[in-house]
Amino acid sequence: MINRISIEMIVRKRNIESRIVVDLKNRIVNVINCNMKEFRCLECVPFCEVIVAAKDYAYGRRKPKAEIFVENIPDADCQPSIIKPNSERSFDFPFH
């Protein structure tokens, strides 16, 4: 369920890779796919490292501590972007 007010992203941190959709209007985070669901986690928790990094990016709270690959940005006609942690460039959020 991807619409104009949600961001779909792939989040990578250490050995975790997850596809997450963040609904900006209702502030809902949905984990579509995660490689740790089968091995370590039975259920996704709100304090998971990749979920926190996705919320950090989507809501503009702080710089995410994971690599974020954004697949769509609402109301923007631009190519997918990659944000790597601890990069030298300034960190700009696509919307505010």
N, C-alpha and C. Protein backbone atom coordinates (compact mmCIF):
# COMPACT_ATOMS: atom_id res chain seq x y z
N MET A 1 0.84 -1.17 0.00
CA MET A 1 0.00 0.00 0.00
C MET A 1 0.90 1.25 0.00
N ILE A 2 1.36 1.63 -1.16
CA ILE A 2 2.22 2.79 -1.28
C ILE A 2 1.42 3.92 -1.91
N ASN A 3 1.41 5.05 -1.26
CA ASN A 3 0.70 6.20 -1.80
C ASN A 3 1.60 7.42 -1.77
N ARG A 4 1.04 8.58 -2.03
CA ARG A 4 1.84 9.80 -2.13
C ARG A 4 2.35 10.30 -0.80
N ILE A 5 1.84 9.80 0.29
CA ILE A 5 2.29 10.26 1.60
C ILE A 5 3.07 9.20 2.34
N SER A 6 3.65 8.26 1.62
CA SER A 6 4.47 7.23 2.25
C SER A 6 5.80 7.12 1.53
N ILE A 7 6.79 6.65 2.26
CA ILE A 7 8.13 6.45 1.72
C ILE A 7 8.44 4.96 1.80
N GLU A 8 8.88 4.40 0.68
CA GLU A 8 9.33 3.01 0.68
C GLU A 8 10.84 3.03 0.62
N MET A 9 11.49 2.27 1.51
CA MET A 9 12.95 2.30 1.57
C MET A 9 13.50 0.93 1.95
N ILE A 10 14.77 0.75 1.59
CA ILE A 10 15.52 -0.41 2.03
C ILE A 10 16.53 0.11 3.04
N VAL A 11 16.57 -0.51 4.21
CA VAL A 11 17.46 -0.08 5.28
C VAL A 11 18.44 -1.21 5.56
N ARG A 12 19.75 -0.87 5.60
CA ARG A 12 20.79 -1.86 5.88
C ARG A 12 21.62 -1.40 7.08
N LYS A 13 21.77 -2.29 8.03
CA LYS A 13 22.64 -2.02 9.17
C LYS A 13 23.24 -3.35 9.62
N ARG A 14 24.55 -3.39 9.67
CA ARG A 14 25.30 -4.60 10.00
C ARG A 14 24.83 -5.75 9.14
N ASN A 15 24.25 -6.77 9.72
CA ASN A 15 23.81 -7.91 8.91
C ASN A 15 22.29 -7.93 8.72
N ILE A 16 21.64 -6.81 8.99
CA ILE A 16 20.18 -6.71 8.84
C ILE A 16 19.86 -5.92 7.58
N GLU A 17 18.98 -6.46 6.76
CA GLU A 17 18.47 -5.74 5.59
C GLU A 17 16.96 -5.87 5.60
N SER A 18 16.29 -4.73 5.48
CA SER A 18 14.84 -4.72 5.61
C SER A 18 14.22 -3.75 4.62
N ARG A 19 13.04 -4.12 4.09
CA ARG A 19 12.26 -3.22 3.24
C ARG A 19 11.13 -2.68 4.10
N ILE A 20 11.07 -1.35 4.21
CA ILE A 20 10.14 -0.69 5.13
C ILE A 20 9.35 0.38 4.39
N VAL A 21 8.06 0.48 4.71
CA VAL A 21 7.20 1.56 4.20
C VAL A 21 6.76 2.39 5.40
N VAL A 22 7.02 3.71 5.32
CA VAL A 22 6.65 4.62 6.40
C VAL A 22 5.54 5.54 5.89
N ASP A 23 4.40 5.50 6.54
CA ASP A 23 3.27 6.38 6.22
C ASP A 23 3.46 7.67 7.01
N LEU A 24 3.69 8.77 6.30
CA LEU A 24 4.00 10.04 6.96
C LEU A 24 2.79 10.68 7.60
N LYS A 25 1.62 10.51 7.02
CA LYS A 25 0.42 11.16 7.54
C LYS A 25 -0.03 10.51 8.85
N ASN A 26 -0.11 9.18 8.85
CA ASN A 26 -0.60 8.47 10.03
C ASN A 26 0.51 8.00 10.96
N ARG A 27 1.79 8.23 10.56
CA ARG A 27 2.96 7.84 11.34
C ARG A 27 2.96 6.33 11.64
N ILE A 28 2.72 5.54 10.59
CA ILE A 28 2.71 4.09 10.72
C ILE A 28 3.90 3.52 9.95
N VAL A 29 4.60 2.57 10.57
CA VAL A 29 5.75 1.92 9.95
C VAL A 29 5.39 0.46 9.69
N ASN A 30 5.51 0.04 8.44
CA ASN A 30 5.23 -1.35 8.06
C ASN A 30 6.50 -1.99 7.54
N VAL A 31 6.89 -3.12 8.11
CA VAL A 31 8.04 -3.87 7.64
C VAL A 31 7.52 -4.87 6.61
N ILE A 32 7.93 -4.70 5.37
CA ILE A 32 7.48 -5.57 4.29
C ILE A 32 8.27 -6.87 4.30
N ASN A 33 9.59 -6.75 4.42
CA ASN A 33 10.45 -7.91 4.38
C ASN A 33 11.69 -7.64 5.21
N CYS A 34 12.14 -8.63 5.97
CA CYS A 34 13.34 -8.48 6.78
C CYS A 34 14.06 -9.82 6.83
N ASN A 35 15.36 -9.81 6.65
CA ASN A 35 16.09 -11.07 6.65
C ASN A 35 16.26 -11.66 8.06
N MET A 36 15.96 -10.91 9.11
CA MET A 36 16.11 -11.41 10.47
C MET A 36 14.83 -12.01 11.03
N LYS A 37 13.72 -11.90 10.31
CA LYS A 37 12.46 -12.44 10.82
C LYS A 37 12.52 -13.95 11.01
N GLU A 38 13.20 -14.64 10.13
CA GLU A 38 13.24 -16.10 10.19
C GLU A 38 14.22 -16.61 11.24
N PHE A 39 15.28 -15.85 11.52
CA PHE A 39 16.34 -16.36 12.37
C PHE A 39 16.28 -15.84 13.80
N ARG A 40 16.14 -14.53 13.96
CA ARG A 40 16.25 -13.94 15.29
C ARG A 40 14.93 -13.42 15.82
N CYS A 41 14.20 -12.73 14.99
CA CYS A 41 12.98 -12.05 15.44
C CYS A 41 11.75 -12.82 15.00
N LEU A 42 10.84 -13.01 15.90
CA LEU A 42 9.55 -13.59 15.53
C LEU A 42 8.58 -12.49 15.12
N GLU A 43 8.75 -11.33 15.71
CA GLU A 43 7.88 -10.18 15.47
C GLU A 43 8.73 -8.92 15.45
N CYS A 44 8.40 -7.99 14.59
CA CYS A 44 9.13 -6.73 14.54
C CYS A 44 8.72 -5.85 15.72
N VAL A 45 9.71 -5.25 16.35
CA VAL A 45 9.47 -4.38 17.51
C VAL A 45 9.82 -2.95 17.14
N PRO A 46 9.18 -1.95 17.74
CA PRO A 46 9.42 -0.56 17.35
C PRO A 46 10.84 -0.06 17.62
N PHE A 47 11.57 -0.73 18.51
CA PHE A 47 12.93 -0.28 18.82
C PHE A 47 14.01 -1.03 18.05
N CYS A 48 13.62 -1.79 17.04
CA CYS A 48 14.59 -2.46 16.16
C CYS A 48 15.46 -1.40 15.48
N GLU A 49 16.75 -1.71 15.28
CA GLU A 49 17.69 -0.74 14.73
C GLU A 49 17.27 -0.21 13.36
N VAL A 50 16.78 -1.09 12.50
CA VAL A 50 16.41 -0.65 11.15
C VAL A 50 15.11 0.15 11.16
N ILE A 51 14.19 -0.18 12.05
CA ILE A 51 12.95 0.59 12.15
C ILE A 51 13.24 1.99 12.69
N VAL A 52 14.10 2.08 13.68
CA VAL A 52 14.48 3.39 14.23
C VAL A 52 15.17 4.23 13.17
N ALA A 53 16.06 3.62 12.37
CA ALA A 53 16.75 4.37 11.31
C ALA A 53 15.76 4.84 10.25
N ALA A 54 14.77 4.01 9.91
CA ALA A 54 13.75 4.41 8.92
C ALA A 54 12.92 5.58 9.45
N LYS A 55 12.54 5.52 10.72
CA LYS A 55 11.78 6.63 11.31
C LYS A 55 12.62 7.89 11.40
N ASP A 56 13.90 7.74 11.73
CA ASP A 56 14.80 8.91 11.79
C ASP A 56 14.84 9.62 10.44
N TYR A 57 14.96 8.85 9.37
CA TYR A 57 15.01 9.45 8.04
C TYR A 57 13.67 10.05 7.65
N ALA A 58 12.60 9.30 7.81
CA ALA A 58 11.28 9.73 7.33
C ALA A 58 10.76 10.95 8.08
N TYR A 59 10.92 10.97 9.38
CA TYR A 59 10.37 12.06 10.18
C TYR A 59 11.35 13.20 10.40
N GLY A 60 12.59 13.02 9.95
CA GLY A 60 13.58 14.09 10.07
C GLY A 60 14.05 14.34 11.49
N ARG A 61 14.04 13.31 12.31
CA ARG A 61 14.44 13.49 13.70
C ARG A 61 15.93 13.72 13.84
N ARG A 62 16.72 12.88 13.20
CA ARG A 62 18.18 12.99 13.24
C ARG A 62 18.75 12.18 12.09
N LYS A 63 20.06 12.22 11.92
CA LYS A 63 20.71 11.47 10.86
C LYS A 63 20.61 9.98 11.17
N PRO A 64 20.13 9.16 10.23
CA PRO A 64 20.00 7.72 10.49
C PRO A 64 21.36 7.06 10.67
N LYS A 65 21.40 6.06 11.53
CA LYS A 65 22.64 5.34 11.78
C LYS A 65 22.70 4.05 10.98
N ALA A 66 22.10 4.07 9.81
CA ALA A 66 22.10 2.93 8.91
C ALA A 66 22.11 3.45 7.48
N GLU A 67 22.40 2.57 6.55
CA GLU A 67 22.36 2.94 5.14
C GLU A 67 20.91 2.86 4.67
N ILE A 68 20.44 3.96 4.06
CA ILE A 68 19.06 4.06 3.60
C ILE A 68 19.06 4.16 2.08
N PHE A 69 18.31 3.29 1.42
CA PHE A 69 18.09 3.39 -0.01
C PHE A 69 16.62 3.68 -0.22
N VAL A 70 16.32 4.92 -0.60
CA VAL A 70 14.93 5.35 -0.75
C VAL A 70 14.45 5.00 -2.14
N GLU A 71 13.33 4.27 -2.21
CA GLU A 71 12.79 3.86 -3.50
C GLU A 71 11.77 4.85 -4.05
N ASN A 72 11.08 5.57 -3.17
CA ASN A 72 10.19 6.62 -3.64
C ASN A 72 10.12 7.72 -2.59
N ILE A 73 10.01 8.94 -3.06
CA ILE A 73 9.85 10.08 -2.18
C ILE A 73 8.54 10.75 -2.56
N PRO A 74 7.68 11.04 -1.61
CA PRO A 74 6.38 11.61 -1.95
C PRO A 74 6.50 13.01 -2.56
N ASP A 75 5.67 13.26 -3.56
CA ASP A 75 5.59 14.56 -4.21
C ASP A 75 6.92 15.05 -4.74
N ALA A 76 7.75 14.16 -5.21
CA ALA A 76 9.04 14.56 -5.79
C ALA A 76 9.31 13.70 -7.01
N ASP A 77 9.79 14.33 -8.07
CA ASP A 77 10.15 13.59 -9.27
C ASP A 77 11.67 13.50 -9.33
N CYS A 78 12.23 12.57 -8.59
CA CYS A 78 13.67 12.43 -8.58
C CYS A 78 14.04 10.96 -8.55
N GLN A 79 15.29 10.67 -8.84
CA GLN A 79 15.80 9.31 -8.84
C GLN A 79 15.95 8.81 -7.40
N PRO A 80 15.97 7.49 -7.21
CA PRO A 80 16.21 6.96 -5.87
C PRO A 80 17.55 7.44 -5.35
N SER A 81 17.63 7.68 -4.06
CA SER A 81 18.86 8.19 -3.48
C SER A 81 19.39 7.21 -2.45
N ILE A 82 20.69 7.28 -2.24
CA ILE A 82 21.32 6.44 -1.23
C ILE A 82 21.93 7.37 -0.20
N ILE A 83 21.66 7.10 1.07
CA ILE A 83 22.24 7.86 2.16
C ILE A 83 23.04 6.89 2.99
N LYS A 84 24.34 7.13 3.08
CA LYS A 84 25.20 6.25 3.87
C LYS A 84 25.51 6.92 5.20
N PRO A 85 25.64 6.15 6.26
CA PRO A 85 25.95 6.74 7.55
C PRO A 85 27.35 7.32 7.56
N ASN A 86 27.54 8.36 8.36
CA ASN A 86 28.84 9.00 8.56
C ASN A 86 29.45 9.52 7.26
N SER A 87 28.63 10.02 6.35
CA SER A 87 29.16 10.55 5.11
C SER A 87 29.69 11.96 5.34
N GLU A 88 30.56 12.40 4.46
CA GLU A 88 31.19 13.71 4.58
C GLU A 88 30.27 14.85 4.16
N ARG A 89 29.28 14.55 3.34
CA ARG A 89 28.42 15.62 2.83
C ARG A 89 27.40 16.04 3.88
N SER A 90 26.80 17.18 3.67
CA SER A 90 25.78 17.64 4.60
C SER A 90 24.52 16.80 4.42
N PHE A 91 23.76 16.67 5.45
CA PHE A 91 22.58 15.81 5.44
C PHE A 91 21.35 16.68 5.28
N ASP A 92 20.66 16.55 4.15
CA ASP A 92 19.45 17.31 3.88
C ASP A 92 18.28 16.35 3.73
N PHE A 93 17.22 16.64 4.41
CA PHE A 93 16.02 15.84 4.28
C PHE A 93 15.25 16.31 3.06
N PRO A 94 14.61 15.40 2.31
CA PRO A 94 13.95 15.78 1.07
C PRO A 94 12.69 16.63 1.26
N PHE A 95 12.18 16.69 2.46
CA PHE A 95 10.96 17.47 2.69
C PHE A 95 10.89 17.88 4.14
N HIS A 96 10.21 18.96 4.41
CA HIS A 96 9.94 19.44 5.77
C HIS A 96 8.87 20.48 5.72
